[in-house]
Amino acid sequence: MSTLADGSDENVQAQREALAATVGALAEKADVPARVRSEVSRDVERVKQQPGAVAAAAIGFALVLVLIVRRRRRRA
């Protein structure tokens, strides 16, 4: 590999490094299963830290479900 006097060699090396970083970022984005696993594990940790919020959401969901069932039975 020949070295050019005007500094083009450094420019080419910098462009290669930038291209490698871009390709790496695109590869991470394209790895959907890994991204999903990461998000799920983050959500699981969040749920573990706030068990009261999960219980409140479950109770709220059950209440809404009961109200919907009652309303449908009245109409039928």
N, C-alpha and C. Protein backbone atom coordinates (compact mmCIF):
# COMPACT_ATOMS: atom_id res chain seq x y z
N MET A 1 0.85 -1.17 0.00
CA MET A 1 0.00 0.00 0.00
C MET A 1 0.89 1.23 0.00
N SER A 2 0.69 2.11 -0.94
CA SER A 2 1.54 3.29 -1.04
C SER A 2 0.97 4.42 -0.21
N THR A 3 1.84 5.23 0.35
CA THR A 3 1.43 6.37 1.16
C THR A 3 1.48 7.61 0.29
N LEU A 4 0.42 8.35 0.27
CA LEU A 4 0.36 9.58 -0.53
C LEU A 4 0.80 10.75 0.33
N ALA A 5 1.44 11.71 -0.31
CA ALA A 5 2.00 12.85 0.41
C ALA A 5 0.93 13.83 0.87
N ASP A 6 -0.24 13.85 0.24
CA ASP A 6 -1.25 14.85 0.59
C ASP A 6 -2.16 14.43 1.74
N GLY A 7 -1.90 13.32 2.40
CA GLY A 7 -2.69 12.89 3.55
C GLY A 7 -3.92 12.09 3.18
N SER A 8 -4.02 11.62 1.96
CA SER A 8 -5.18 10.85 1.54
C SER A 8 -5.26 9.53 2.27
N ASP A 9 -4.13 8.99 2.66
CA ASP A 9 -4.11 7.72 3.37
C ASP A 9 -4.90 7.80 4.68
N GLU A 10 -4.69 8.90 5.42
CA GLU A 10 -5.42 9.09 6.66
C GLU A 10 -6.91 9.28 6.39
N ASN A 11 -7.22 9.95 5.30
CA ASN A 11 -8.62 10.19 4.94
C ASN A 11 -9.31 8.87 4.62
N VAL A 12 -8.62 8.02 3.87
CA VAL A 12 -9.19 6.72 3.52
C VAL A 12 -9.40 5.89 4.78
N GLN A 13 -8.44 5.92 5.68
CA GLN A 13 -8.56 5.16 6.93
C GLN A 13 -9.74 5.68 7.76
N ALA A 14 -9.90 6.98 7.83
CA ALA A 14 -11.02 7.56 8.58
C ALA A 14 -12.35 7.17 7.95
N GLN A 15 -12.41 7.16 6.63
CA GLN A 15 -13.64 6.75 5.95
C GLN A 15 -13.94 5.28 6.20
N ARG A 16 -12.91 4.45 6.23
CA ARG A 16 -13.11 3.03 6.52
C ARG A 16 -13.67 2.82 7.93
N GLU A 17 -13.11 3.56 8.88
CA GLU A 17 -13.59 3.44 10.25
C GLU A 17 -15.04 3.91 10.38
N ALA A 18 -15.37 5.00 9.68
CA ALA A 18 -16.75 5.50 9.72
C ALA A 18 -17.69 4.49 9.07
N LEU A 19 -17.26 3.90 7.97
CA LEU A 19 -18.08 2.90 7.29
C LEU A 19 -18.27 1.67 8.18
N ALA A 20 -17.22 1.25 8.86
CA ALA A 20 -17.33 0.10 9.76
C ALA A 20 -18.31 0.38 10.89
N ALA A 21 -18.27 1.61 11.43
CA ALA A 21 -19.21 1.97 12.49
C ALA A 21 -20.64 1.97 11.97
N THR A 22 -20.83 2.48 10.76
CA THR A 22 -22.17 2.51 10.17
C THR A 22 -22.70 1.11 9.92
N VAL A 23 -21.84 0.25 9.38
CA VAL A 23 -22.25 -1.13 9.11
C VAL A 23 -22.58 -1.83 10.43
N GLY A 24 -21.80 -1.59 11.46
CA GLY A 24 -22.08 -2.18 12.77
C GLY A 24 -23.42 -1.73 13.32
N ALA A 25 -23.71 -0.43 13.18
CA ALA A 25 -25.00 0.09 13.66
C ALA A 25 -26.16 -0.50 12.88
N LEU A 26 -25.99 -0.64 11.57
CA LEU A 26 -27.05 -1.25 10.75
C LEU A 26 -27.26 -2.72 11.11
N ALA A 27 -26.18 -3.42 11.39
CA ALA A 27 -26.29 -4.83 11.77
C ALA A 27 -27.05 -4.98 13.08
N GLU A 28 -26.79 -4.07 14.03
CA GLU A 28 -27.52 -4.11 15.30
C GLU A 28 -29.00 -3.84 15.08
N LYS A 29 -29.31 -2.88 14.21
CA LYS A 29 -30.71 -2.56 13.93
C LYS A 29 -31.42 -3.71 13.23
N ALA A 30 -30.71 -4.41 12.38
CA ALA A 30 -31.32 -5.49 11.61
C ALA A 30 -31.52 -6.75 12.44
N ASP A 31 -30.86 -6.86 13.59
CA ASP A 31 -30.98 -8.04 14.44
C ASP A 31 -32.20 -7.89 15.34
N VAL A 32 -33.38 -8.08 14.74
CA VAL A 32 -34.65 -7.87 15.44
C VAL A 32 -34.82 -8.81 16.63
N PRO A 33 -34.53 -10.10 16.51
CA PRO A 33 -34.70 -10.97 17.68
C PRO A 33 -33.88 -10.51 18.89
N ALA A 34 -32.67 -10.06 18.67
CA ALA A 34 -31.85 -9.58 19.79
C ALA A 34 -32.44 -8.32 20.39
N ARG A 35 -32.97 -7.44 19.55
CA ARG A 35 -33.58 -6.21 20.06
C ARG A 35 -34.83 -6.53 20.87
N VAL A 36 -35.61 -7.50 20.41
CA VAL A 36 -36.83 -7.88 21.14
C VAL A 36 -36.45 -8.48 22.49
N ARG A 37 -35.45 -9.36 22.51
CA ARG A 37 -35.01 -9.96 23.77
C ARG A 37 -34.55 -8.88 24.74
N SER A 38 -33.83 -7.90 24.22
CA SER A 38 -33.33 -6.82 25.06
C SER A 38 -34.49 -6.02 25.66
N GLU A 39 -35.48 -5.69 24.84
CA GLU A 39 -36.61 -4.92 25.33
C GLU A 39 -37.43 -5.72 26.33
N VAL A 40 -37.61 -7.00 26.07
CA VAL A 40 -38.38 -7.84 26.99
C VAL A 40 -37.67 -7.95 28.33
N SER A 41 -36.37 -8.16 28.30
CA SER A 41 -35.64 -8.27 29.57
C SER A 41 -35.68 -6.95 30.34
N ARG A 42 -35.63 -5.83 29.62
CA ARG A 42 -35.73 -4.53 30.28
C ARG A 42 -37.11 -4.35 30.91
N ASP A 43 -38.15 -4.78 30.19
CA ASP A 43 -39.51 -4.66 30.72
C ASP A 43 -39.71 -5.59 31.92
N VAL A 44 -39.13 -6.78 31.87
CA VAL A 44 -39.25 -7.71 33.00
C VAL A 44 -38.60 -7.11 34.24
N GLU A 45 -37.44 -6.51 34.07
CA GLU A 45 -36.77 -5.87 35.20
C GLU A 45 -37.61 -4.72 35.76
N ARG A 46 -38.23 -3.96 34.88
CA ARG A 46 -39.08 -2.85 35.31
C ARG A 46 -40.27 -3.37 36.11
N VAL A 47 -40.86 -4.48 35.66
CA VAL A 47 -42.00 -5.07 36.36
C VAL A 47 -41.56 -5.59 37.72
N LYS A 48 -40.38 -6.20 37.79
CA LYS A 48 -39.88 -6.72 39.05
C LYS A 48 -39.67 -5.59 40.07
N GLN A 49 -39.32 -4.41 39.58
CA GLN A 49 -39.08 -3.28 40.48
C GLN A 49 -40.39 -2.64 40.95
N GLN A 50 -41.49 -2.84 40.22
CA GLN A 50 -42.76 -2.21 40.57
C GLN A 50 -43.89 -3.24 40.62
N PRO A 51 -43.85 -4.17 41.56
CA PRO A 51 -44.90 -5.19 41.60
C PRO A 51 -46.27 -4.59 41.94
N GLY A 52 -46.32 -3.51 42.68
CA GLY A 52 -47.59 -2.88 43.02
C GLY A 52 -48.29 -2.34 41.80
N ALA A 53 -47.55 -1.80 40.87
CA ALA A 53 -48.14 -1.27 39.64
C ALA A 53 -48.73 -2.39 38.80
N VAL A 54 -48.06 -3.52 38.77
CA VAL A 54 -48.56 -4.68 38.02
C VAL A 54 -49.85 -5.18 38.66
N ALA A 55 -49.89 -5.25 39.98
CA ALA A 55 -51.09 -5.70 40.67
C ALA A 55 -52.25 -4.73 40.41
N ALA A 56 -51.98 -3.44 40.47
CA ALA A 56 -53.02 -2.45 40.21
C ALA A 56 -53.54 -2.56 38.78
N ALA A 57 -52.65 -2.79 37.83
CA ALA A 57 -53.08 -2.95 36.44
C ALA A 57 -53.93 -4.21 36.28
N ALA A 58 -53.55 -5.28 36.95
CA ALA A 58 -54.32 -6.53 36.87
C ALA A 58 -55.71 -6.35 37.47
N ILE A 59 -55.78 -5.66 38.60
CA ILE A 59 -57.07 -5.41 39.23
C ILE A 59 -57.93 -4.53 38.34
N GLY A 60 -57.33 -3.51 37.75
CA GLY A 60 -58.06 -2.64 36.84
C GLY A 60 -58.58 -3.39 35.62
N PHE A 61 -57.77 -4.25 35.08
CA PHE A 61 -58.18 -5.06 33.93
C PHE A 61 -59.34 -5.97 34.31
N ALA A 62 -59.24 -6.61 35.47
CA ALA A 62 -60.30 -7.51 35.93
C ALA A 62 -61.60 -6.74 36.14
N LEU A 63 -61.51 -5.55 36.68
CA LEU A 63 -62.70 -4.72 36.90
C LEU A 63 -63.37 -4.35 35.58
N VAL A 64 -62.58 -3.94 34.62
CA VAL A 64 -63.13 -3.60 33.31
C VAL A 64 -63.76 -4.83 32.67
N LEU A 65 -63.13 -5.97 32.79
CA LEU A 65 -63.67 -7.21 32.23
C LEU A 65 -65.01 -7.56 32.87
N VAL A 66 -65.09 -7.44 34.18
CA VAL A 66 -66.35 -7.72 34.88
C VAL A 66 -67.44 -6.76 34.41
N LEU A 67 -67.13 -5.49 34.28
CA LEU A 67 -68.13 -4.52 33.83
C LEU A 67 -68.61 -4.82 32.41
N ILE A 68 -67.71 -5.22 31.55
CA ILE A 68 -68.10 -5.56 30.17
C ILE A 68 -69.00 -6.78 30.15
N VAL A 69 -68.66 -7.80 30.93
CA VAL A 69 -69.47 -9.01 30.98
C VAL A 69 -70.86 -8.70 31.52
N ARG A 70 -70.96 -7.91 32.57
CA ARG A 70 -72.26 -7.54 33.13
C ARG A 70 -73.11 -6.77 32.12
N ARG A 71 -72.49 -5.85 31.43
CA ARG A 71 -73.22 -5.04 30.46
C ARG A 71 -73.74 -5.92 29.32
N ARG A 72 -72.94 -6.86 28.86
CA ARG A 72 -73.38 -7.76 27.78
C ARG A 72 -74.52 -8.68 28.23
N ARG A 73 -74.45 -9.12 29.48
CA ARG A 73 -75.51 -10.00 30.00
C ARG A 73 -76.84 -9.25 30.11
N ARG A 74 -76.78 -7.98 30.47
CA ARG A 74 -78.01 -7.18 30.59
C ARG A 74 -78.67 -6.98 29.22
N ARG A 75 -77.85 -6.81 28.21
CA ARG A 75 -78.38 -6.58 26.86
C ARG A 75 -78.91 -7.86 26.24
N ALA A 76 -78.40 -8.99 26.64
CA ALA A 76 -78.81 -10.26 26.01
C ALA A 76 -80.12 -10.76 26.50
